[in-house]
């Protein structure tokens, strides 16, 4: 059987796994160290224990702060915070106090010394378990030791978390996007359909 042509263009290997989350990572152990770095190279890696990763270039200002303290907070970004997240991604903490410049509010975390960003809808407190040098970036593997979610993201009748109400954003090939409508829930493709009469 002849192979069908795909109509696709072959490119060299690159980071085309998109979209990626947009997060602001806050770090630093003292008020004068506090910094924010915007990151798209982040994700979930384990459920039990709950673990995630961020990948950071060693030359970034936040790299040393995270490596020395072994702690950071992943702060999820919503649509309203996108311009601030972008600014924090292109400005260096060596030259700017990002909390002061952006007006974001650092608040005390419960398990670690790094600050959380109060304006973000969700904050994940993380403790580094391993640092893996990869090339352009080092990967910080971390355990998520506490999660904070704004009260208005819970259904006031059922108390169920409705994270879609947070208006989170993604990053894809150099651009920011807000998330679209819900297409289904986990397992919807195999659910038994009930006849509606």
N, C-alpha and C. Protein backbone atom coordinates (compact mmCIF):
# COMPACT_ATOMS: atom_id res chain seq x y z
N UNK A 1 0.84 -1.18 0.00
CA UNK A 1 0.00 0.00 0.00
C UNK A 1 0.89 1.24 0.00
N UNK A 2 0.61 2.19 -0.85
CA UNK A 2 1.39 3.43 -0.93
C UNK A 2 1.04 4.34 0.24
N UNK A 3 2.07 4.97 0.78
CA UNK A 3 1.85 5.89 1.90
C UNK A 3 1.25 7.19 1.38
N UNK A 4 0.24 7.67 2.06
CA UNK A 4 -0.40 8.92 1.68
C UNK A 4 0.48 10.10 2.08
N UNK A 5 0.56 11.13 1.24
CA UNK A 5 1.28 12.34 1.58
C UNK A 5 0.48 13.11 2.63
N UNK A 6 1.21 13.67 3.59
CA UNK A 6 0.53 14.30 4.73
C UNK A 6 0.10 15.73 4.49
N UNK A 7 0.75 16.41 3.58
CA UNK A 7 0.46 17.84 3.41
C UNK A 7 1.03 18.66 4.55
N UNK A 8 2.00 18.09 5.26
CA UNK A 8 2.63 18.80 6.37
C UNK A 8 4.06 19.18 6.01
N UNK A 9 4.52 20.28 6.56
CA UNK A 9 5.88 20.74 6.34
C UNK A 9 6.78 20.23 7.46
N UNK A 10 7.91 19.63 7.12
CA UNK A 10 8.85 19.15 8.12
C UNK A 10 9.80 20.26 8.52
N UNK A 11 9.94 20.45 9.84
CA UNK A 11 10.79 21.50 10.39
C UNK A 11 11.84 20.84 11.28
N UNK A 12 12.89 21.57 11.60
CA UNK A 12 13.88 21.03 12.53
C UNK A 12 13.24 20.88 13.91
N UNK A 13 13.83 20.05 14.76
CA UNK A 13 13.29 19.85 16.10
C UNK A 13 13.22 21.15 16.87
N UNK A 14 12.14 21.36 17.56
CA UNK A 14 11.96 22.60 18.32
C UNK A 14 10.80 22.48 19.28
N UNK A 15 10.61 23.52 20.09
CA UNK A 15 9.55 23.52 21.09
C UNK A 15 8.21 23.89 20.46
N UNK A 16 7.53 22.87 19.95
CA UNK A 16 6.24 23.09 19.31
C UNK A 16 5.11 22.44 20.11
N UNK A 17 5.41 22.06 21.36
CA UNK A 17 4.37 21.49 22.21
C UNK A 17 3.56 22.64 22.79
N UNK A 18 2.50 22.99 22.10
CA UNK A 18 1.69 24.17 22.45
C UNK A 18 0.22 23.79 22.53
N UNK A 19 -0.59 24.55 23.27
CA UNK A 19 -0.22 25.71 24.07
C UNK A 19 0.44 25.30 25.38
N UNK A 20 1.10 26.27 26.00
CA UNK A 20 1.74 26.07 27.30
C UNK A 20 1.06 26.99 28.31
N UNK A 21 1.11 26.63 29.59
CA UNK A 21 0.53 27.54 30.59
C UNK A 21 1.34 28.82 30.70
N UNK A 22 0.71 29.88 31.14
CA UNK A 22 1.41 31.12 31.45
C UNK A 22 1.37 31.26 32.97
N UNK A 23 2.54 31.33 33.59
CA UNK A 23 2.59 31.49 35.04
C UNK A 23 3.61 32.54 35.41
N UNK A 24 3.36 33.20 36.52
CA UNK A 24 4.37 34.06 37.13
C UNK A 24 4.91 33.31 38.34
N UNK A 25 6.20 33.09 38.36
CA UNK A 25 6.83 32.39 39.47
C UNK A 25 7.44 33.44 40.40
N UNK A 26 7.01 33.42 41.65
CA UNK A 26 7.57 34.35 42.64
C UNK A 26 8.58 33.60 43.49
N UNK A 27 9.64 34.33 43.87
CA UNK A 27 10.74 33.69 44.58
C UNK A 27 11.43 34.72 45.46
N UNK A 28 12.39 34.22 46.24
CA UNK A 28 13.13 35.07 47.17
C UNK A 28 12.69 34.80 48.60
N UNK A 29 13.63 34.86 49.52
CA UNK A 29 13.33 34.54 50.92
C UNK A 29 13.06 35.76 51.78
N UNK A 30 13.51 36.93 51.34
CA UNK A 30 13.30 38.15 52.12
C UNK A 30 12.69 39.22 51.23
N UNK A 31 12.11 40.23 51.87
CA UNK A 31 11.40 41.27 51.14
C UNK A 31 12.28 41.94 50.09
N UNK A 32 13.54 42.17 50.40
CA UNK A 32 14.41 42.83 49.43
C UNK A 32 14.86 41.90 48.31
N UNK A 33 14.63 40.59 48.45
CA UNK A 33 14.96 39.63 47.39
C UNK A 33 13.77 39.32 46.48
N UNK A 34 12.56 39.56 46.94
CA UNK A 34 11.37 39.10 46.22
C UNK A 34 11.45 39.46 44.74
N UNK A 35 11.12 38.48 43.90
CA UNK A 35 11.16 38.71 42.46
C UNK A 35 10.07 37.87 41.79
N UNK A 36 9.79 38.23 40.55
CA UNK A 36 8.80 37.52 39.73
C UNK A 36 9.43 37.22 38.38
N UNK A 37 9.31 35.98 37.94
CA UNK A 37 9.77 35.58 36.61
C UNK A 37 8.60 34.92 35.89
N UNK A 38 8.34 35.33 34.67
CA UNK A 38 7.27 34.72 33.88
C UNK A 38 7.82 33.51 33.14
N UNK A 39 7.09 32.41 33.22
CA UNK A 39 7.57 31.14 32.68
C UNK A 39 6.45 30.43 31.92
N UNK A 40 6.81 29.84 30.78
CA UNK A 40 5.89 28.95 30.07
C UNK A 40 6.36 27.51 30.13
N UNK A 41 7.67 27.30 30.41
CA UNK A 41 8.19 25.94 30.52
C UNK A 41 7.88 25.42 31.93
N UNK A 42 6.66 24.94 32.11
CA UNK A 42 6.20 24.43 33.40
C UNK A 42 5.12 23.39 33.17
N UNK A 43 4.94 22.52 34.14
CA UNK A 43 3.90 21.52 33.99
C UNK A 43 3.84 20.56 35.16
N UNK A 44 2.85 19.69 35.11
CA UNK A 44 2.62 18.67 36.12
C UNK A 44 3.43 17.43 35.78
N UNK A 45 4.02 16.78 36.78
CA UNK A 45 4.81 15.58 36.51
C UNK A 45 4.43 14.39 37.38
N UNK A 46 3.65 14.61 38.46
CA UNK A 46 3.30 13.49 39.34
C UNK A 46 2.07 13.87 40.15
N UNK A 47 1.20 12.87 40.40
CA UNK A 47 -0.01 13.11 41.20
C UNK A 47 0.20 12.85 42.68
N UNK A 48 0.96 11.80 43.00
CA UNK A 48 1.15 11.42 44.39
C UNK A 48 2.61 11.03 44.62
N UNK A 49 3.42 11.89 45.21
CA UNK A 49 3.06 13.21 45.73
C UNK A 49 2.82 14.19 44.59
N UNK A 50 2.04 15.25 44.85
CA UNK A 50 1.81 16.23 43.79
C UNK A 50 3.10 16.96 43.47
N UNK A 51 3.52 16.88 42.20
CA UNK A 51 4.79 17.48 41.80
C UNK A 51 4.65 18.22 40.47
N UNK A 52 5.52 19.19 40.28
CA UNK A 52 5.55 19.98 39.05
C UNK A 52 7.00 20.31 38.73
N UNK A 53 7.18 21.07 37.67
CA UNK A 53 8.53 21.53 37.33
C UNK A 53 8.46 22.92 36.74
N UNK A 54 9.56 23.63 36.83
CA UNK A 54 9.77 24.84 36.02
C UNK A 54 11.17 24.71 35.43
N UNK A 55 11.37 25.22 34.24
CA UNK A 55 12.69 25.25 33.63
C UNK A 55 13.14 26.70 33.48
N UNK A 56 14.35 26.98 33.97
CA UNK A 56 14.85 28.36 34.04
C UNK A 56 16.26 28.41 33.47
N UNK A 57 16.55 29.43 32.69
CA UNK A 57 17.92 29.64 32.20
C UNK A 57 18.81 30.07 33.38
N UNK A 58 20.00 29.49 33.51
CA UNK A 58 20.89 29.84 34.62
C UNK A 58 21.25 31.32 34.69
N UNK A 59 21.21 32.03 33.57
CA UNK A 59 21.58 33.45 33.59
C UNK A 59 20.45 34.35 34.08
N UNK A 60 19.27 33.81 34.27
CA UNK A 60 18.15 34.63 34.76
C UNK A 60 18.36 35.00 36.23
N UNK A 61 17.91 36.18 36.61
CA UNK A 61 18.07 36.67 37.97
C UNK A 61 17.42 35.74 39.00
N UNK A 62 16.26 35.20 38.66
CA UNK A 62 15.53 34.35 39.60
C UNK A 62 16.19 32.99 39.81
N UNK A 63 17.02 32.57 38.86
CA UNK A 63 17.63 31.25 38.94
C UNK A 63 18.38 31.07 40.26
N UNK A 64 19.24 32.03 40.59
CA UNK A 64 20.04 31.92 41.81
C UNK A 64 19.15 31.94 43.04
N UNK A 65 18.11 32.77 43.04
CA UNK A 65 17.21 32.86 44.18
C UNK A 65 16.52 31.51 44.44
N UNK A 66 16.07 30.88 43.36
CA UNK A 66 15.38 29.59 43.50
C UNK A 66 16.36 28.49 43.90
N UNK A 67 17.53 28.50 43.29
CA UNK A 67 18.52 27.46 43.59
C UNK A 67 18.98 27.54 45.04
N UNK A 68 19.18 28.75 45.56
CA UNK A 68 19.67 28.91 46.93
C UNK A 68 18.60 28.60 47.97
N UNK A 69 17.37 29.03 47.71
CA UNK A 69 16.30 28.83 48.70
C UNK A 69 15.63 27.46 48.57
N UNK A 70 15.62 26.91 47.33
CA UNK A 70 14.92 25.65 47.09
C UNK A 70 13.41 25.79 47.16
N UNK A 71 12.92 27.00 46.92
CA UNK A 71 11.48 27.26 47.03
C UNK A 71 11.02 28.25 45.95
N UNK A 72 9.78 28.13 45.56
CA UNK A 72 9.16 29.10 44.67
C UNK A 72 7.65 28.91 44.70
N UNK A 73 6.93 29.88 44.17
CA UNK A 73 5.47 29.80 44.06
C UNK A 73 5.10 29.94 42.60
N UNK A 74 4.29 29.02 42.09
CA UNK A 74 3.71 29.15 40.76
C UNK A 74 2.38 29.87 40.91
N UNK A 75 2.25 31.03 40.28
CA UNK A 75 1.04 31.84 40.35
C UNK A 75 0.38 31.83 38.97
N UNK A 76 -0.84 31.28 38.89
CA UNK A 76 -1.52 31.20 37.60
C UNK A 76 -1.98 32.59 37.16
N UNK A 77 -1.96 32.80 35.85
CA UNK A 77 -2.23 34.12 35.27
C UNK A 77 -3.59 34.11 34.57
N UNK A 78 -4.40 35.12 34.88
CA UNK A 78 -5.68 35.26 34.18
C UNK A 78 -5.59 36.35 33.12
N UNK A 79 -6.67 36.53 32.41
CA UNK A 79 -6.69 37.47 31.28
C UNK A 79 -6.28 38.88 31.69
N UNK A 80 -6.77 39.35 32.85
CA UNK A 80 -6.47 40.71 33.29
C UNK A 80 -5.00 40.90 33.64
N UNK A 81 -4.33 39.84 34.05
CA UNK A 81 -2.93 39.94 34.46
C UNK A 81 -1.94 39.72 33.31
N UNK A 82 -2.43 39.43 32.12
CA UNK A 82 -1.55 39.11 31.00
C UNK A 82 -0.54 40.21 30.69
N UNK A 83 -0.92 41.48 30.63
CA UNK A 83 0.10 42.52 30.35
C UNK A 83 1.19 42.57 31.42
N UNK A 84 0.81 42.35 32.67
CA UNK A 84 1.80 42.36 33.75
C UNK A 84 2.72 41.16 33.63
N UNK A 85 2.14 39.99 33.32
CA UNK A 85 2.95 38.78 33.16
C UNK A 85 3.95 38.97 32.03
N UNK A 86 3.52 39.57 30.94
CA UNK A 86 4.42 39.82 29.82
C UNK A 86 5.55 40.76 30.24
N UNK A 87 5.20 41.83 30.95
CA UNK A 87 6.21 42.80 31.40
C UNK A 87 7.24 42.11 32.31
N UNK A 88 6.76 41.27 33.22
CA UNK A 88 7.68 40.57 34.13
C UNK A 88 8.57 39.58 33.39
N UNK A 89 8.14 39.16 32.20
CA UNK A 89 8.93 38.24 31.41
C UNK A 89 10.02 38.90 30.59
N UNK A 90 9.88 40.19 30.31
CA UNK A 90 10.87 40.87 29.48
C UNK A 90 11.75 41.85 30.27
N UNK A 91 11.45 42.04 31.54
CA UNK A 91 12.25 42.91 32.41
C UNK A 91 12.99 42.05 33.43
N UNK A 92 14.19 42.45 33.77
CA UNK A 92 15.02 41.68 34.70
C UNK A 92 14.88 42.19 36.13
N UNK A 93 14.82 41.24 37.06
CA UNK A 93 14.79 41.59 38.47
C UNK A 93 16.09 42.21 38.95
N UNK A 94 17.14 42.14 38.15
CA UNK A 94 18.40 42.82 38.49
C UNK A 94 18.22 44.33 38.43
N UNK A 95 17.32 44.79 37.56
CA UNK A 95 17.13 46.23 37.35
C UNK A 95 15.83 46.77 37.93
N UNK A 96 14.87 45.90 38.15
CA UNK A 96 13.54 46.36 38.58
C UNK A 96 13.06 45.58 39.80
N UNK A 97 12.41 46.29 40.72
CA UNK A 97 11.64 45.65 41.78
C UNK A 97 10.26 45.40 41.18
N UNK A 98 10.01 44.17 40.77
CA UNK A 98 8.81 43.90 39.96
C UNK A 98 7.52 44.05 40.76
N UNK A 99 7.54 43.73 42.03
CA UNK A 99 6.32 43.95 42.83
C UNK A 99 6.00 45.43 42.89
N UNK A 100 7.02 46.26 43.12
CA UNK A 100 6.81 47.70 43.19
C UNK A 100 6.37 48.26 41.84
N UNK A 101 7.05 47.86 40.79
CA UNK A 101 6.78 48.41 39.46
C UNK A 101 5.39 48.03 38.94
N UNK A 102 4.93 46.83 39.25
CA UNK A 102 3.65 46.36 38.72
C UNK A 102 2.47 46.61 39.65
N UNK A 103 2.76 46.90 40.91
CA UNK A 103 1.68 47.08 41.88
C UNK A 103 1.12 45.76 42.40
N UNK A 104 1.74 44.64 42.05
CA UNK A 104 1.29 43.35 42.57
C UNK A 104 1.60 43.26 44.06
N UNK A 105 0.80 42.46 44.76
CA UNK A 105 0.91 42.38 46.22
C UNK A 105 1.56 41.07 46.65
N UNK A 106 2.74 41.13 47.29
CA UNK A 106 3.32 39.90 47.83
C UNK A 106 2.62 39.55 49.15
N UNK A 107 2.22 38.29 49.29
CA UNK A 107 1.60 37.83 50.54
C UNK A 107 2.33 36.60 51.03
N UNK A 108 2.30 36.41 52.33
CA UNK A 108 3.03 35.32 52.96
C UNK A 108 2.45 33.97 52.56
N UNK A 109 3.31 33.05 52.17
CA UNK A 109 2.89 31.67 51.93
C UNK A 109 2.78 30.95 53.27
N UNK A 110 2.22 29.74 53.25
CA UNK A 110 2.00 29.03 54.51
C UNK A 110 3.09 28.02 54.83
N UNK A 111 3.80 27.52 53.81
CA UNK A 111 4.78 26.45 54.03
C UNK A 111 6.20 26.84 53.64
N UNK A 112 6.36 27.92 52.88
CA UNK A 112 7.68 28.31 52.38
C UNK A 112 7.89 29.80 52.58
N UNK A 113 9.11 30.25 52.34
CA UNK A 113 9.43 31.67 52.56
C UNK A 113 9.18 32.54 51.33
N UNK A 114 9.11 31.95 50.14
CA UNK A 114 8.84 32.74 48.93
C UNK A 114 7.42 33.31 49.00
N UNK A 115 7.21 34.51 48.45
CA UNK A 115 5.88 35.13 48.54
C UNK A 115 4.94 34.62 47.46
N UNK A 116 3.66 34.70 47.75
CA UNK A 116 2.63 34.46 46.74
C UNK A 116 2.21 35.80 46.15
N UNK A 117 1.63 35.79 44.96
CA UNK A 117 1.08 37.00 44.35
C UNK A 117 -0.42 37.00 44.62
N UNK A 118 -0.87 37.96 45.43
CA UNK A 118 -2.26 37.98 45.90
C UNK A 118 -3.25 38.10 44.75
N UNK A 119 -2.92 38.85 43.72
CA UNK A 119 -3.86 39.10 42.62
C UNK A 119 -4.10 37.86 41.75
N UNK A 120 -3.23 36.88 41.79
CA UNK A 120 -3.39 35.68 40.96
C UNK A 120 -4.48 34.79 41.54
N UNK A 121 -5.29 34.15 40.69
CA UNK A 121 -6.41 33.35 41.19
C UNK A 121 -5.99 32.07 41.90
N UNK A 122 -4.83 31.52 41.54
CA UNK A 122 -4.35 30.27 42.13
C UNK A 122 -2.85 30.39 42.39
N UNK A 123 -2.41 29.93 43.56
CA UNK A 123 -0.99 29.93 43.94
C UNK A 123 -0.59 28.53 44.39
N UNK A 124 0.53 28.03 43.87
CA UNK A 124 1.04 26.72 44.24
C UNK A 124 2.40 26.89 44.94
N UNK A 125 2.45 26.56 46.22
CA UNK A 125 3.70 26.63 46.96
C UNK A 125 4.53 25.39 46.63
N UNK A 126 5.78 25.60 46.25
CA UNK A 126 6.62 24.49 45.76
C UNK A 126 7.96 24.44 46.47
N UNK A 127 8.37 23.21 46.81
CA UNK A 127 9.70 22.95 47.38
C UNK A 127 10.50 22.11 46.40
N UNK A 128 11.66 22.60 46.02
CA UNK A 128 12.50 21.93 45.03
C UNK A 128 13.02 20.61 45.61
N UNK A 129 12.91 19.55 44.80
CA UNK A 129 13.44 18.25 45.21
C UNK A 129 14.68 17.86 44.41
N UNK A 130 14.81 18.44 43.22
CA UNK A 130 15.94 18.08 42.35
C UNK A 130 16.12 19.15 41.28
N UNK A 131 17.36 19.39 40.91
CA UNK A 131 17.67 20.31 39.80
C UNK A 131 18.41 19.51 38.74
N UNK A 132 17.87 19.54 37.52
CA UNK A 132 18.45 18.76 36.43
C UNK A 132 18.95 19.71 35.34
N UNK A 133 20.27 19.79 35.12
CA UNK A 133 20.79 20.60 34.01
C UNK A 133 20.44 19.93 32.68
N UNK A 134 19.88 20.71 31.77
CA UNK A 134 19.41 20.13 30.50
C UNK A 134 20.11 20.70 29.28
N UNK A 135 20.65 21.90 29.39
CA UNK A 135 21.22 22.59 28.22
C UNK A 135 20.98 24.07 28.41
N UNK A 136 20.11 24.65 27.60
CA UNK A 136 19.81 26.08 27.76
C UNK A 136 19.12 26.36 29.08
N UNK A 137 18.38 25.39 29.63
CA UNK A 137 17.63 25.55 30.87
C UNK A 137 18.01 24.46 31.87
N UNK A 138 17.83 24.76 33.14
CA UNK A 138 17.86 23.75 34.19
C UNK A 138 16.42 23.53 34.64
N UNK A 139 16.08 22.27 34.88
CA UNK A 139 14.74 21.93 35.34
C UNK A 139 14.72 21.80 36.86
N UNK A 140 13.84 22.54 37.49
CA UNK A 140 13.62 22.43 38.93
C UNK A 140 12.40 21.54 39.17
N UNK A 141 12.62 20.32 39.64
CA UNK A 141 11.52 19.46 40.03
C UNK A 141 11.11 19.85 41.44
N UNK A 142 9.81 19.89 41.70
CA UNK A 142 9.36 20.38 43.01
C UNK A 142 8.09 19.69 43.46
N UNK A 143 7.97 19.55 44.76
CA UNK A 143 6.73 19.05 45.35
C UNK A 143 5.83 20.24 45.65
N UNK A 144 4.56 20.10 45.32
CA UNK A 144 3.57 21.14 45.62
C UNK A 144 3.08 20.89 47.05
N UNK A 145 3.46 21.79 47.96
CA UNK A 145 3.18 21.55 49.37
C UNK A 145 1.92 22.25 49.87
N UNK A 146 1.39 23.19 49.09
CA UNK A 146 0.13 23.86 49.44
C UNK A 146 -0.41 24.55 48.20
N UNK A 147 -1.72 24.63 48.11
CA UNK A 147 -2.39 25.32 47.00
C UNK A 147 -3.40 26.30 47.58
N UNK A 148 -3.46 27.49 47.01
CA UNK A 148 -4.40 28.52 47.46
C UNK A 148 -5.25 28.95 46.26
N UNK A 149 -6.56 28.96 46.44
CA UNK A 149 -7.50 29.28 45.36
C UNK A 149 -8.47 30.35 45.85
N UNK A 150 -8.71 31.36 45.03
CA UNK A 150 -9.63 32.43 45.42
C UNK A 150 -11.03 31.89 45.65
N UNK A 151 -11.69 32.41 46.68
CA UNK A 151 -13.01 31.92 47.08
C UNK A 151 -14.03 31.99 45.96
N UNK A 152 -13.94 33.03 45.09
CA UNK A 152 -14.96 33.21 44.07
C UNK A 152 -14.89 32.19 42.93
N UNK A 153 -13.92 31.27 42.99
CA UNK A 153 -13.84 30.21 41.98
C UNK A 153 -14.56 28.93 42.43
N UNK A 154 -15.15 28.97 43.60
CA UNK A 154 -15.92 27.83 44.09
C UNK A 154 -17.40 28.10 43.92
N UNK A 155 -18.15 27.08 43.52
CA UNK A 155 -19.60 27.18 43.40
C UNK A 155 -20.16 27.32 44.81
N UNK A 156 -20.91 28.41 45.06
CA UNK A 156 -21.36 28.68 46.42
C UNK A 156 -22.43 27.68 46.89
N UNK A 157 -23.05 26.94 45.97
CA UNK A 157 -24.05 25.93 46.37
C UNK A 157 -23.42 24.57 46.60
N UNK A 158 -22.55 24.14 45.68
CA UNK A 158 -21.98 22.79 45.77
C UNK A 158 -20.57 22.76 46.36
N UNK A 159 -19.93 23.93 46.46
CA UNK A 159 -18.55 24.06 46.92
C UNK A 159 -17.55 23.42 45.96
N UNK A 160 -17.98 23.12 44.73
CA UNK A 160 -17.09 22.54 43.73
C UNK A 160 -16.22 23.64 43.12
N UNK A 161 -14.95 23.31 42.88
CA UNK A 161 -14.04 24.25 42.23
C UNK A 161 -14.41 24.36 40.76
N UNK A 162 -14.61 25.58 40.28
CA UNK A 162 -14.93 25.84 38.87
C UNK A 162 -13.80 26.70 38.29
N UNK A 163 -12.68 26.04 38.03
CA UNK A 163 -11.46 26.74 37.63
C UNK A 163 -11.63 27.49 36.31
N UNK A 164 -12.58 27.06 35.47
CA UNK A 164 -12.79 27.75 34.19
C UNK A 164 -13.21 29.20 34.40
N UNK A 165 -13.73 29.52 35.57
CA UNK A 165 -14.15 30.89 35.86
C UNK A 165 -12.96 31.81 36.13
N UNK A 166 -11.77 31.26 36.23
CA UNK A 166 -10.58 32.08 36.52
C UNK A 166 -10.08 32.83 35.30
N UNK A 167 -10.58 32.50 34.10
CA UNK A 167 -10.14 33.16 32.86
C UNK A 167 -8.63 33.06 32.66
N UNK A 168 -8.12 31.83 32.82
CA UNK A 168 -6.69 31.60 32.67
C UNK A 168 -6.25 31.75 31.21
N UNK A 169 -4.97 32.01 31.01
CA UNK A 169 -4.45 32.21 29.66
C UNK A 169 -3.36 31.18 29.35
N UNK A 170 -3.11 31.01 28.05
CA UNK A 170 -2.07 30.11 27.58
C UNK A 170 -1.13 30.88 26.66
N UNK A 171 0.00 30.24 26.37
CA UNK A 171 1.01 30.82 25.51
C UNK A 171 1.26 29.84 24.37
N UNK A 172 1.19 30.32 23.13
CA UNK A 172 1.38 29.45 21.98
C UNK A 172 2.15 30.17 20.89
N UNK A 173 3.37 29.69 20.64
CA UNK A 173 4.20 30.17 19.54
C UNK A 173 4.32 31.70 19.54
N UNK A 174 4.63 32.25 20.73
CA UNK A 174 4.90 33.68 20.83
C UNK A 174 3.70 34.56 21.11
N UNK A 175 2.53 33.98 21.31
CA UNK A 175 1.32 34.77 21.55
C UNK A 175 0.56 34.25 22.76
N UNK A 176 -0.19 35.15 23.40
CA UNK A 176 -1.03 34.80 24.54
C UNK A 176 -2.47 34.60 24.06
N UNK A 177 -3.14 33.61 24.64
CA UNK A 177 -4.54 33.33 24.29
C UNK A 177 -5.35 33.06 25.55
N UNK A 178 -6.61 33.52 25.56
CA UNK A 178 -7.47 33.09 26.65
C UNK A 178 -8.10 31.75 26.28
N UNK A 179 -8.48 31.00 27.30
CA UNK A 179 -9.03 29.67 27.06
C UNK A 179 -10.46 29.78 26.52
N UNK A 180 -10.81 28.88 25.63
CA UNK A 180 -12.13 28.90 25.01
C UNK A 180 -13.18 28.17 25.82
N UNK A 181 -14.27 27.83 25.15
CA UNK A 181 -15.39 27.19 25.84
C UNK A 181 -15.06 25.74 26.19
N UNK A 182 -15.78 25.20 27.14
CA UNK A 182 -15.61 23.80 27.55
C UNK A 182 -16.12 22.89 26.44
N UNK A 183 -15.31 21.91 26.05
CA UNK A 183 -15.68 20.96 25.00
C UNK A 183 -16.16 19.63 25.56
N UNK A 184 -15.86 19.39 26.81
CA UNK A 184 -16.26 18.14 27.45
C UNK A 184 -15.52 18.00 28.76
N UNK A 185 -15.89 17.01 29.55
CA UNK A 185 -15.17 16.74 30.79
C UNK A 185 -14.44 15.42 30.64
N UNK A 186 -13.51 15.14 31.55
CA UNK A 186 -12.74 13.91 31.48
C UNK A 186 -13.67 12.71 31.43
N UNK A 187 -13.49 11.86 30.42
CA UNK A 187 -14.30 10.66 30.27
C UNK A 187 -15.60 10.83 29.50
N UNK A 188 -15.86 12.04 28.97
CA UNK A 188 -17.14 12.27 28.30
C UNK A 188 -17.32 11.41 27.06
N UNK A 189 -16.20 10.99 26.44
CA UNK A 189 -16.30 10.22 25.19
C UNK A 189 -16.80 8.80 25.41
N UNK A 190 -16.73 8.31 26.63
CA UNK A 190 -17.17 6.94 26.90
C UNK A 190 -18.37 6.88 27.84
N UNK A 191 -18.90 8.04 28.19
CA UNK A 191 -20.08 8.05 29.05
C UNK A 191 -21.26 7.45 28.35
N UNK A 192 -22.10 6.75 29.11
CA UNK A 192 -23.34 6.22 28.54
C UNK A 192 -24.32 7.38 28.39
N UNK A 193 -24.92 7.41 27.23
CA UNK A 193 -25.90 8.48 26.95
C UNK A 193 -27.26 8.03 27.49
N UNK A 194 -27.95 8.97 28.13
CA UNK A 194 -29.30 8.67 28.62
C UNK A 194 -30.31 9.27 27.67
N UNK A 195 -31.36 8.51 27.39
CA UNK A 195 -32.40 9.01 26.50
C UNK A 195 -33.19 10.09 27.21
N UNK A 196 -33.37 11.20 26.52
CA UNK A 196 -34.17 12.29 27.07
C UNK A 196 -35.51 12.29 26.37
N UNK A 197 -36.58 12.06 27.14
CA UNK A 197 -37.93 12.03 26.56
C UNK A 197 -38.77 13.16 27.10
